[in-house]
Amino acid sequence: MGASKDTIVVNANVEMTTRSLQTIVENAKKKVGRDEKGFYRVDTADKVSEMISRFLLEKDFEGYVMNYE
């Protein structure tokens, strides 16, 4: 994810709406589809992490924390 920036992975508890989490799970399932046994093979926790990380990079979280008071 962070090919152009120096990044690290931080494990944190993040508060979000239940609707946000439900939508992430629904979209992840749609994207991967069911396997031959009818199961979804997707790690939704990884998808949450991926989406939050992308959001932080795109919305300049680094700039935000540099100016935080």
Protein backbone atom coordinates (compact mmCIF):
# COMPACT_ATOMS: atom_id res chain seq x y z
CA MET A 1 0.00 0.00 0.00
CA GLY A 2 2.68 2.52 0.92
CA ALA A 3 5.03 2.12 -2.03
CA SER A 4 5.71 5.85 -2.39
CA LYS A 5 5.84 6.72 1.32
CA ASP A 6 7.76 5.41 4.29
CA THR A 7 5.01 3.59 6.23
CA ILE A 8 4.60 1.13 9.10
CA VAL A 9 1.68 -0.99 10.24
CA VAL A 10 0.09 0.10 13.53
CA ASN A 11 -2.52 -2.04 15.25
CA ALA A 12 -5.18 0.19 16.79
CA ASN A 13 -8.77 0.12 17.94
CA VAL A 14 -10.88 2.23 15.59
CA GLU A 15 -14.42 3.40 16.27
CA MET A 16 -16.70 3.41 13.24
CA THR A 17 -20.38 3.11 12.58
CA THR A 18 -21.91 -0.32 12.25
CA ARG A 19 -23.18 0.73 8.82
CA SER A 20 -19.61 1.40 7.66
CA LEU A 21 -18.48 -2.05 8.78
CA GLN A 22 -21.50 -3.76 7.24
CA THR A 23 -20.84 -2.00 3.94
CA ILE A 24 -17.17 -3.00 3.91
CA VAL A 25 -18.14 -6.64 4.52
CA GLU A 26 -20.88 -6.59 1.85
CA ASN A 27 -18.58 -5.01 -0.75
CA ALA A 28 -15.74 -7.42 0.04
CA LYS A 29 -18.08 -10.39 -0.40
CA LYS A 30 -19.37 -9.02 -3.71
CA LYS A 31 -15.84 -8.50 -4.97
CA VAL A 32 -14.53 -12.02 -4.22
CA GLY A 33 -17.74 -14.00 -4.69
CA ARG A 34 -18.39 -17.48 -3.36
CA ASP A 35 -15.98 -20.37 -3.77
CA GLU A 36 -16.93 -23.82 -5.12
CA LYS A 37 -18.40 -24.77 -1.72
CA GLY A 38 -20.47 -21.59 -1.47
CA PHE A 39 -18.27 -19.83 1.08
CA TYR A 40 -16.76 -16.37 0.93
CA ARG A 41 -12.96 -16.50 1.27
CA VAL A 42 -12.10 -12.95 2.26
CA ASP A 43 -10.51 -11.53 5.39
CA THR A 44 -12.82 -8.64 6.17
CA ALA A 45 -10.50 -7.35 8.91
CA ASP A 46 -7.81 -6.96 6.25
CA LYS A 47 -10.30 -5.05 4.09
CA VAL A 48 -11.08 -2.68 6.97
CA SER A 49 -7.36 -2.09 7.46
CA GLU A 50 -6.83 -1.56 3.73
CA MET A 51 -9.67 0.96 3.47
CA ILE A 52 -8.63 2.96 6.54
CA SER A 53 -5.01 3.02 5.40
CA ARG A 54 -6.00 4.21 1.94
CA PHE A 55 -8.24 6.89 3.40
CA LEU A 56 -5.47 8.17 5.69
CA LEU A 57 -2.99 8.39 2.82
CA GLU A 58 -5.41 10.01 0.37
CA LYS A 59 -6.75 12.53 2.90
CA ASP A 60 -3.25 13.59 4.08
CA PHE A 61 -3.38 12.29 7.64
CA GLU A 62 0.30 13.19 7.96
CA GLY A 63 -0.51 16.86 7.24
CA TYR A 64 -3.36 16.71 9.75
CA VAL A 65 -1.16 15.45 12.59
CA MET A 66 1.57 17.97 11.75
CA ASN A 67 -0.94 20.77 12.40
CA TYR A 68 -2.84 19.15 15.29
CA GLU A 69 -3.30 21.33 18.37
